[in-house]
Structures are given as C-alpha cells and as structure tokens.
Amino acid sequence: SMWIITGTKKDGSLSKDLRCAINSSATVVIYM
C-alpha cells in the first residue's frame, strides 16, 4: 500500500498524517 501526503497544508505545515503513515509498511510519497 502507499500513503500520499502533502508536505504543505493550507496553513503551511506538514501533514500530521506522516506520523500515522510511518507506523505502517506502506510506501510514503510526499508532495511539496
């Protein structure tokens, strides 16, 4: 599986989903 995550949310911060994604074996893809 994979997680697709934005590195820059509307407020300029990194998505908190990354902390969830690293707990899986999924490929993590980060845009921006």
Full PDB file with SEQRES, HELIX, SHEET, SSBOND, CRYST1, ORIGX, SCALE, CONECT and MASTER records, all heavy atoms in Angstrom:
SEQRES   1 A   32  SER MET TRP ILE ILE THR GLY THR LYS LYS ASP GLY SER          
SEQRES   2 A   32  LEU SER LYS ASP LEU ARG CYS ALA ILE ASN SER SER ALA          
SEQRES   3 A   32  THR VAL VAL ILE TYR MET                                      
HELIX    1 AA1 ASP A   17  ALA A   21  1                                   5    
SHEET    1 AA1 2 MET A   2  THR A   6  0                                        
SHEET    2 AA1 2 THR A  27  TYR A  31  1                                        
CRYST1    1.000    1.000    1.000  90.00  90.00  90.00 P 1           1          
ORIGX1      1.000000  0.000000  0.000000        0.00000                         
ORIGX2      0.000000  1.000000  0.000000        0.00000                         
ORIGX3      0.000000  0.000000  1.000000        0.00000                         
SCALE1      1.000000  0.000000  0.000000        0.00000                         
SCALE2      0.000000  1.000000  0.000000        0.00000                         
SCALE3      0.000000  0.000000  1.000000        0.00000                         
ATOM      1  N   SER A   1       0.848  -1.189   0.000  1.00  0.00           N  
ATOM      2  CA  SER A   1       0.000   0.000   0.000  1.00  0.00           C  
ATOM      3  C   SER A   1       0.886   1.243   0.000  1.00  0.00           C  
ATOM      4  O   SER A   1       2.114   1.148   0.075  1.00  0.00           O  
ATOM      5  CB  SER A   1      -0.913   0.028   1.234  1.00  0.00           C  
ATOM      6  OG  SER A   1      -0.136   0.027   2.419  1.00  0.00           O  
ATOM      7  N   MET A   2       0.247   2.408  -0.087  1.00  0.00           N  
ATOM      8  CA  MET A   2       1.023   3.646  -0.030  1.00  0.00           C  
ATOM      9  C   MET A   2       0.198   4.774   0.583  1.00  0.00           C  
ATOM     10  O   MET A   2      -1.027   4.773   0.516  1.00  0.00           O  
ATOM     11  CB  MET A   2       1.518   4.052  -1.418  1.00  0.00           C  
ATOM     12  CG  MET A   2       0.443   4.215  -2.453  1.00  0.00           C  
ATOM     13  SD  MET A   2       1.168   4.559  -4.067  1.00  0.00           S  
ATOM     14  CE  MET A   2      -0.302   4.427  -5.098  1.00  0.00           C  
ATOM     15  N   TRP A   3       0.920   5.706   1.179  1.00  0.00           N  
ATOM     16  CA  TRP A   3       0.335   6.923   1.711  1.00  0.00           C  
ATOM     17  C   TRP A   3       0.807   8.080   0.836  1.00  0.00           C  
ATOM     18  O   TRP A   3       1.999   8.196   0.543  1.00  0.00           O  
ATOM     19  CB  TRP A   3       0.792   7.185   3.144  1.00  0.00           C  
ATOM     20  CG  TRP A   3       0.159   6.328   4.188  1.00  0.00           C  
ATOM     21  CD1 TRP A   3       0.293   4.982   4.333  1.00  0.00           C  
ATOM     22  CD2 TRP A   3      -0.682   6.769   5.259  1.00  0.00           C  
ATOM     23  NE1 TRP A   3      -0.412   4.538   5.427  1.00  0.00           N  
ATOM     24  CE2 TRP A   3      -1.023   5.624   6.021  1.00  0.00           C  
ATOM     25  CE3 TRP A   3      -1.172   8.002   5.657  1.00  0.00           C  
ATOM     26  CZ2 TRP A   3      -1.830   5.682   7.153  1.00  0.00           C  
ATOM     27  CZ3 TRP A   3      -1.982   8.069   6.778  1.00  0.00           C  
ATOM     28  CH2 TRP A   3      -2.309   6.922   7.512  1.00  0.00           C  
ATOM     29  N   ILE A   4      -0.126   8.927   0.428  1.00  0.00           N  
ATOM     30  CA  ILE A   4       0.213  10.111  -0.350  1.00  0.00           C  
ATOM     31  C   ILE A   4      -0.060  11.315   0.536  1.00  0.00           C  
ATOM     32  O   ILE A   4      -1.198  11.550   0.945  1.00  0.00           O  
ATOM     33  CB  ILE A   4      -0.629  10.187  -1.641  1.00  0.00           C  
ATOM     34  CG1 ILE A   4      -0.505   8.878  -2.422  1.00  0.00           C  
ATOM     35  CG2 ILE A   4      -0.194  11.355  -2.498  1.00  0.00           C  
ATOM     36  CD1 ILE A   4      -1.542   8.735  -3.513  1.00  0.00           C  
ATOM     37  N   ILE A   5       0.970  12.066   0.843  1.00  0.00           N  
ATOM     38  CA  ILE A   5       0.882  13.104   1.866  1.00  0.00           C  
ATOM     39  C   ILE A   5       1.352  14.443   1.310  1.00  0.00           C  
ATOM     40  O   ILE A   5       2.322  14.499   0.541  1.00  0.00           O  
ATOM     41  CB  ILE A   5       1.745  12.709   3.084  1.00  0.00           C  
ATOM     42  CG1 ILE A   5       1.185  11.443   3.739  1.00  0.00           C  
ATOM     43  CG2 ILE A   5       1.851  13.841   4.100  1.00  0.00           C  
ATOM     44  CD1 ILE A   5       2.073  10.850   4.794  1.00  0.00           C  
ATOM     45  N   THR A   6       0.685  15.508   1.713  1.00  0.00           N  
ATOM     46  CA  THR A   6       1.149  16.840   1.343  1.00  0.00           C  
ATOM     47  C   THR A   6       2.140  17.354   2.384  1.00  0.00           C  
ATOM     48  O   THR A   6       1.909  17.236   3.593  1.00  0.00           O  
ATOM     49  CB  THR A   6      -0.016  17.842   1.205  1.00  0.00           C  
ATOM     50  OG1 THR A   6       0.524  19.138   0.906  1.00  0.00           O  
ATOM     51  CG2 THR A   6      -0.861  17.921   2.456  1.00  0.00           C  
ATOM     52  N   GLY A   7       3.220  17.899   1.895  1.00  0.00           N  
ATOM     53  CA  GLY A   7       4.213  18.478   2.801  1.00  0.00           C  
ATOM     54  C   GLY A   7       3.868  19.890   3.202  1.00  0.00           C  
ATOM     55  O   GLY A   7       4.509  20.469   4.081  1.00  0.00           O  
ATOM     56  N   THR A   8       2.872  20.465   2.528  1.00  0.00           N  
ATOM     57  CA  THR A   8       2.491  21.850   2.817  1.00  0.00           C  
ATOM     58  C   THR A   8       0.977  21.981   2.819  1.00  0.00           C  
ATOM     59  O   THR A   8       0.362  22.070   1.752  1.00  0.00           O  
ATOM     60  CB  THR A   8       3.098  22.820   1.783  1.00  0.00           C  
ATOM     61  OG1 THR A   8       4.512  22.589   1.677  1.00  0.00           O  
ATOM     62  CG2 THR A   8       2.857  24.262   2.204  1.00  0.00           C  
ATOM     63  N   LYS A   9       0.391  21.979   4.001  1.00  0.00           N  
ATOM     64  CA  LYS A   9      -1.061  22.162   4.122  1.00  0.00           C  
ATOM     65  C   LYS A   9      -1.417  23.630   3.893  1.00  0.00           C  
ATOM     66  O   LYS A   9      -0.563  24.479   3.684  1.00  0.00           O  
ATOM     67  CB  LYS A   9      -1.532  21.714   5.508  1.00  0.00           C  
ATOM     68  CG  LYS A   9      -1.327  20.235   5.789  1.00  0.00           C  
ATOM     69  CD  LYS A   9      -2.171  19.788   6.967  1.00  0.00           C  
ATOM     70  CE  LYS A   9      -1.901  20.608   8.219  1.00  0.00           C  
ATOM     71  NZ  LYS A   9      -2.737  20.176   9.360  1.00  0.00           N  
ATOM     72  N   LYS A  10      -2.700  23.923   3.977  1.00  0.00           N  
ATOM     73  CA  LYS A  10      -3.185  25.290   3.745  1.00  0.00           C  
ATOM     74  C   LYS A  10      -2.508  26.287   4.675  1.00  0.00           C  
ATOM     75  O   LYS A  10      -2.222  27.430   4.296  1.00  0.00           O  
ATOM     76  CB  LYS A  10      -4.708  25.337   3.930  1.00  0.00           C  
ATOM     77  CG  LYS A  10      -5.345  26.655   3.571  1.00  0.00           C  
ATOM     78  CD  LYS A  10      -6.853  26.579   3.685  1.00  0.00           C  
ATOM     79  CE  LYS A  10      -7.508  27.905   3.267  1.00  0.00           C  
ATOM     80  NZ  LYS A  10      -8.984  27.842   3.361  1.00  0.00           N  
ATOM     81  N   ASP A  11      -2.226  25.860   5.925  1.00  0.00           N  
ATOM     82  CA  ASP A  11      -1.574  26.756   6.878  1.00  0.00           C  
ATOM     83  C   ASP A  11      -0.049  26.704   6.799  1.00  0.00           C  
ATOM     84  O   ASP A  11       0.645  27.312   7.611  1.00  0.00           O  
ATOM     85  CB  ASP A  11      -2.035  26.444   8.303  1.00  0.00           C  
ATOM     86  CG  ASP A  11      -1.643  25.027   8.751  1.00  0.00           C  
ATOM     87  OD1 ASP A  11      -0.970  24.316   7.986  1.00  0.00           O  
ATOM     88  OD2 ASP A  11      -2.028  24.645   9.876  1.00  0.00           O  
ATOM     89  N   GLY A  12       0.474  25.946   5.808  1.00  0.00           N  
ATOM     90  CA  GLY A  12       1.918  25.875   5.608  1.00  0.00           C  
ATOM     91  C   GLY A  12       2.613  24.772   6.370  1.00  0.00           C  
ATOM     92  O   GLY A  12       3.828  24.568   6.217  1.00  0.00           O  
ATOM     93  N   SER A  13       1.887  24.027   7.183  1.00  0.00           N  
ATOM     94  CA  SER A  13       2.504  22.976   7.998  1.00  0.00           C  
ATOM     95  C   SER A  13       2.518  21.634   7.272  1.00  0.00           C  
ATOM     96  O   SER A  13       1.787  21.421   6.306  1.00  0.00           O  
ATOM     97  CB  SER A  13       1.743  22.824   9.322  1.00  0.00           C  
ATOM     98  OG  SER A  13       0.422  22.349   9.090  1.00  0.00           O  
ATOM     99  N   LEU A  14       3.372  20.751   7.765  1.00  0.00           N  
ATOM    100  CA  LEU A  14       3.446  19.389   7.257  1.00  0.00           C  
ATOM    101  C   LEU A  14       2.263  18.587   7.789  1.00  0.00           C  
ATOM    102  O   LEU A  14       1.892  18.711   8.962  1.00  0.00           O  
ATOM    103  CB  LEU A  14       4.757  18.746   7.719  1.00  0.00           C  
ATOM    104  CG  LEU A  14       4.988  17.266   7.409  1.00  0.00           C  
ATOM    105  CD1 LEU A  14       5.152  17.045   5.916  1.00  0.00           C  
ATOM    106  CD2 LEU A  14       6.224  16.762   8.157  1.00  0.00           C  
ATOM    107  N   SER A  15       1.663  17.747   6.928  1.00  0.00           N  
ATOM    108  CA  SER A  15       0.511  16.958   7.353  1.00  0.00           C  
ATOM    109  C   SER A  15       0.873  16.033   8.518  1.00  0.00           C  
ATOM    110  O   SER A  15       1.900  15.352   8.500  1.00  0.00           O  
ATOM    111  CB  SER A  15      -0.012  16.117   6.181  1.00  0.00           C  
ATOM    112  OG  SER A  15      -1.011  15.229   6.621  1.00  0.00           O  
ATOM    113  N   LYS A  16       0.001  16.012   9.517  1.00  0.00           N  
ATOM    114  CA  LYS A  16       0.215  15.127  10.664  1.00  0.00           C  
ATOM    115  C   LYS A  16       0.030  13.659  10.289  1.00  0.00           C  
ATOM    116  O   LYS A  16       0.381  12.767  11.075  1.00  0.00           O  
ATOM    117  CB  LYS A  16      -0.748  15.504  11.790  1.00  0.00           C  
ATOM    118  CG  LYS A  16      -0.453  16.873  12.403  1.00  0.00           C  
ATOM    119  CD  LYS A  16      -1.433  17.214  13.519  1.00  0.00           C  
ATOM    120  CE  LYS A  16      -1.123  18.576  14.120  1.00  0.00           C  
ATOM    121  NZ  LYS A  16      -2.083  18.948  15.193  1.00  0.00           N  
ATOM    122  N   ASP A  17      -0.524  13.407   9.113  1.00  0.00           N  
ATOM    123  CA  ASP A  17      -0.708  12.022   8.666  1.00  0.00           C  
ATOM    124  C   ASP A  17       0.617  11.282   8.541  1.00  0.00           C  
ATOM    125  O   ASP A  17       0.643  10.050   8.571  1.00  0.00           O  
ATOM    126  CB  ASP A  17      -1.433  11.985   7.318  1.00  0.00           C  
ATOM    127  CG  ASP A  17      -2.923  12.261   7.453  1.00  0.00           C  
ATOM    128  OD1 ASP A  17      -3.409  12.324   8.605  1.00  0.00           O  
ATOM    129  OD2 ASP A  17      -3.594  12.423   6.425  1.00  0.00           O  
ATOM    130  N   LEU A  18       1.712  12.026   8.398  1.00  0.00           N  
ATOM    131  CA  LEU A  18       3.005  11.357   8.262  1.00  0.00           C  
ATOM    132  C   LEU A  18       3.309  10.506   9.492  1.00  0.00           C  
ATOM    133  O   LEU A  18       3.847   9.401   9.368  1.00  0.00           O  
ATOM    134  CB  LEU A  18       4.122  12.384   8.044  1.00  0.00           C  
ATOM    135  CG  LEU A  18       5.529  11.806   7.893  1.00  0.00           C  
ATOM    136  CD1 LEU A  18       5.605  10.830   6.717  1.00  0.00           C  
ATOM    137  CD2 LEU A  18       6.564  12.916   7.723  1.00  0.00           C  
ATOM    138  N   ARG A  19       2.951  10.974  10.661  1.00  0.00           N  
ATOM    139  CA  ARG A  19       3.220  10.212  11.888  1.00  0.00           C  
ATOM    140  C   ARG A  19       2.406   8.920  11.928  1.00  0.00           C  
ATOM    141  O   ARG A  19       2.822   7.942  12.539  1.00  0.00           O  
ATOM    142  CB  ARG A  19       2.925  11.074  13.120  1.00  0.00           C  
ATOM    143  CG  ARG A  19       3.849  12.280  13.228  1.00  0.00           C  
ATOM    144  CD  ARG A  19       3.651  13.052  14.523  1.00  0.00           C  
ATOM    145  NE  ARG A  19       4.480  14.239  14.568  1.00  0.00           N  
ATOM    146  CZ  ARG A  19       5.757  14.244  14.968  1.00  0.00           C  
ATOM    147  NH1 ARG A  19       6.329  13.124  15.368  1.00  0.00           N  
ATOM    148  NH2 ARG A  19       6.446  15.369  14.979  1.00  0.00           N  
ATOM    149  N   CYS A  20       1.251   8.931  11.265  1.00  0.00           N  
ATOM    150  CA  CYS A  20       0.454   7.701  11.163  1.00  0.00           C  
ATOM    151  C   CYS A  20       1.062   6.781  10.111  1.00  0.00           C  
ATOM    152  O   CYS A  20       1.158   5.567  10.314  1.00  0.00           O  
ATOM    153  CB  CYS A  20      -0.982   8.034  10.772  1.00  0.00           C  
ATOM    154  SG  CYS A  20      -1.857   9.079  11.944  1.00  0.00           S  
ATOM    155  N   ALA A  21       1.492   7.361   9.017  1.00  0.00           N  
ATOM    156  CA  ALA A  21       1.993   6.567   7.900  1.00  0.00           C  
ATOM    157  C   ALA A  21       3.230   5.760   8.262  1.00  0.00           C  
ATOM    158  O   ALA A  21       3.395   4.619   7.823  1.00  0.00           O  
ATOM    159  CB  ALA A  21       2.300   7.481   6.713  1.00  0.00           C  
ATOM    160  N   ILE A  22       4.109   6.330   9.090  1.00  0.00           N  
ATOM    161  CA  ILE A  22       5.360   5.633   9.386  1.00  0.00           C  
ATOM    162  C   ILE A  22       5.146   4.415  10.281  1.00  0.00           C  
ATOM    163  O   ILE A  22       6.062   3.601  10.451  1.00  0.00           O  
ATOM    164  CB  ILE A  22       6.403   6.577  10.028  1.00  0.00           C  
ATOM    165  CG1 ILE A  22       5.905   7.087  11.373  1.00  0.00           C  
ATOM    166  CG2 ILE A  22       6.709   7.728   9.090  1.00  0.00           C  
ATOM    167  CD1 ILE A  22       6.942   7.957  12.096  1.00  0.00           C  
ATOM    168  N   ASN A  23       3.943   4.279  10.835  1.00  0.00           N  
ATOM    169  CA  ASN A  23       3.635   3.104  11.643  1.00  0.00           C  
ATOM    170  C   ASN A  23       3.181   1.918  10.809  1.00  0.00           C  
ATOM    171  O   ASN A  23       2.862   0.862  11.328  1.00  0.00           O  
ATOM    172  CB  ASN A  23       2.557   3.448  12.676  1.00  0.00           C  
ATOM    173  CG  ASN A  23       3.066   4.393  13.746  1.00  0.00           C  
ATOM    174  OD1 ASN A  23       4.180   4.229  14.235  1.00  0.00           O  
ATOM    175  ND2 ASN A  23       2.265   5.394  14.103  1.00  0.00           N  
ATOM    176  N   SER A  24       3.144   2.110   9.480  1.00  0.00           N  
ATOM    177  CA  SER A  24       2.745   1.031   8.582  1.00  0.00           C  
ATOM    178  C   SER A  24       3.932   0.630   7.708  1.00  0.00           C  
ATOM    179  O   SER A  24       4.990   1.241   7.759  1.00  0.00           O  
ATOM    180  CB  SER A  24       1.588   1.494   7.688  1.00  0.00           C  
ATOM    181  OG  SER A  24       2.047   2.409   6.717  1.00  0.00           O  
ATOM    182  N   SER A  25       3.718  -0.409   6.893  1.00  0.00           N  
ATOM    183  CA  SER A  25       4.771  -0.825   5.957  1.00  0.00           C  
ATOM    184  C   SER A  25       4.584  -0.179   4.591  1.00  0.00           C  
ATOM    185  O   SER A  25       5.257  -0.534   3.631  1.00  0.00           O  
ATOM    186  CB  SER A  25       4.744  -2.355   5.804  1.00  0.00           C  
ATOM    187  OG  SER A  25       3.480  -2.776   5.279  1.00  0.00           O  
ATOM    188  N   ALA A  26       3.673   0.773   4.527  1.00  0.00           N  
ATOM    189  CA  ALA A  26       3.338   1.403   3.250  1.00  0.00           C  
ATOM    190  C   ALA A  26       4.470   2.284   2.728  1.00  0.00           C  
ATOM    191  O   ALA A  26       5.272   2.826   3.494  1.00  0.00           O  
ATOM    192  CB  ALA A  26       2.074   2.250   3.407  1.00  0.00           C  
ATOM    193  N   THR A  27       4.504   2.435   1.415  1.00  0.00           N  
ATOM    194  CA  THR A  27       5.373   3.424   0.792  1.00  0.00           C  
ATOM    195  C   THR A  27       4.790   4.797   1.104  1.00  0.00           C  
ATOM    196  O   THR A  27       3.584   5.006   1.007  1.00  0.00           O  
ATOM    197  CB  THR A  27       5.405   3.232  -0.732  1.00  0.00           C  
ATOM    198  OG1 THR A  27       5.851   1.906  -1.027  1.00  0.00           O  
ATOM    199  CG2 THR A  27       6.319   4.247  -1.401  1.00  0.00           C  
ATOM    200  N   VAL A  28       5.640   5.727   1.484  1.00  0.00           N  
ATOM    201  CA  VAL A  28       5.198   7.089   1.771  1.00  0.00           C  
ATOM    202  C   VAL A  28       5.676   8.009   0.643  1.00  0.00           C  
ATOM    203  O   VAL A  28       6.875   8.056   0.333  1.00  0.00           O  
ATOM    204  CB  VAL A  28       5.741   7.586   3.125  1.00  0.00           C  
ATOM    205  CG1 VAL A  28       5.375   9.054   3.347  1.00  0.00           C  
ATOM    206  CG2 VAL A  28       5.200   6.722   4.259  1.00  0.00           C  
ATOM    207  N   VAL A  29       4.738   8.709   0.025  1.00  0.00           N  
ATOM    208  CA  VAL A  29       5.055   9.665  -1.035  1.00  0.00           C  
ATOM    209  C   VAL A  29       4.651  11.044  -0.543  1.00  0.00           C  
ATOM    210  O   VAL A  29       3.503  11.262  -0.149  1.00  0.00           O  
ATOM    211  CB  VAL A  29       4.296   9.342  -2.338  1.00  0.00           C  
ATOM    212  CG1 VAL A  29       4.657  10.338  -3.430  1.00  0.00           C  
ATOM    213  CG2 VAL A  29       4.593   7.920  -2.793  1.00  0.00           C  
ATOM    214  N   ILE A  30       5.596  11.966  -0.539  1.00  0.00           N  
ATOM    215  CA  ILE A  30       5.336  13.307  -0.029  1.00  0.00           C  
ATOM    216  C   ILE A  30       5.461  14.325  -1.155  1.00  0.00           C  
ATOM    217  O   ILE A  30       6.512  14.443  -1.791  1.00  0.00           O  
ATOM    218  CB  ILE A  30       6.291  13.675   1.123  1.00  0.00           C  
ATOM    219  CG1 ILE A  30       6.201  12.626   2.241  1.00  0.00           C  
ATOM    220  CG2 ILE A  30       5.976  15.065   1.664  1.00  0.00           C  
ATOM    221  CD1 ILE A  30       7.217  12.817   3.350  1.00  0.00           C  
ATOM    222  N   TYR A  31       4.378  15.037  -1.402  1.00  0.00           N  
ATOM    223  CA  TYR A  31       4.372  16.150  -2.353  1.00  0.00           C  
ATOM    224  C   TYR A  31       4.692  17.442  -1.603  1.00  0.00           C  
ATOM    225  O   TYR A  31       4.355  17.595  -0.427  1.00  0.00           O  
ATOM    226  CB  TYR A  31       2.983  16.315  -2.965  1.00  0.00           C  
ATOM    227  CG  TYR A  31       2.584  15.330  -4.030  1.00  0.00           C  
ATOM    228  CD1 TYR A  31       2.306  13.998  -3.713  1.00  0.00           C  
ATOM    229  CD2 TYR A  31       2.447  15.728  -5.354  1.00  0.00           C  
ATOM    230  CE1 TYR A  31       1.901  13.101  -4.683  1.00  0.00           C  
ATOM    231  CE2 TYR A  31       2.039  14.836  -6.340  1.00  0.00           C  
ATOM    232  CZ  TYR A  31       1.765  13.522  -6.001  1.00  0.00           C  
ATOM    233  OH  TYR A  31       1.362  12.642  -6.962  1.00  0.00           O  
ATOM    234  N   MET A  32       5.294  18.382  -2.282  1.00  0.00           N  
ATOM    235  CA  MET A  32       5.512  19.731  -1.741  1.00  0.00           C  
ATOM    236  C   MET A  32       6.182  19.690  -0.367  1.00  0.00           C  
ATOM    237  O   MET A  32       5.797  20.432   0.548  1.00  0.00           O  
ATOM    238  CB  MET A  32       4.173  20.491  -1.676  1.00  0.00           C  
ATOM    239  CG  MET A  32       3.496  20.637  -3.025  1.00  0.00           C  
ATOM    240  SD  MET A  32       1.841  21.355  -2.943  1.00  0.00           S  
ATOM    241  CE  MET A  32       0.909  19.984  -2.225  1.00  0.00           C  
TER     242      MET A  32                                                      
MASTER        0    0    0    1    2    0    0    6  241    1    0    3          
END                                                                             
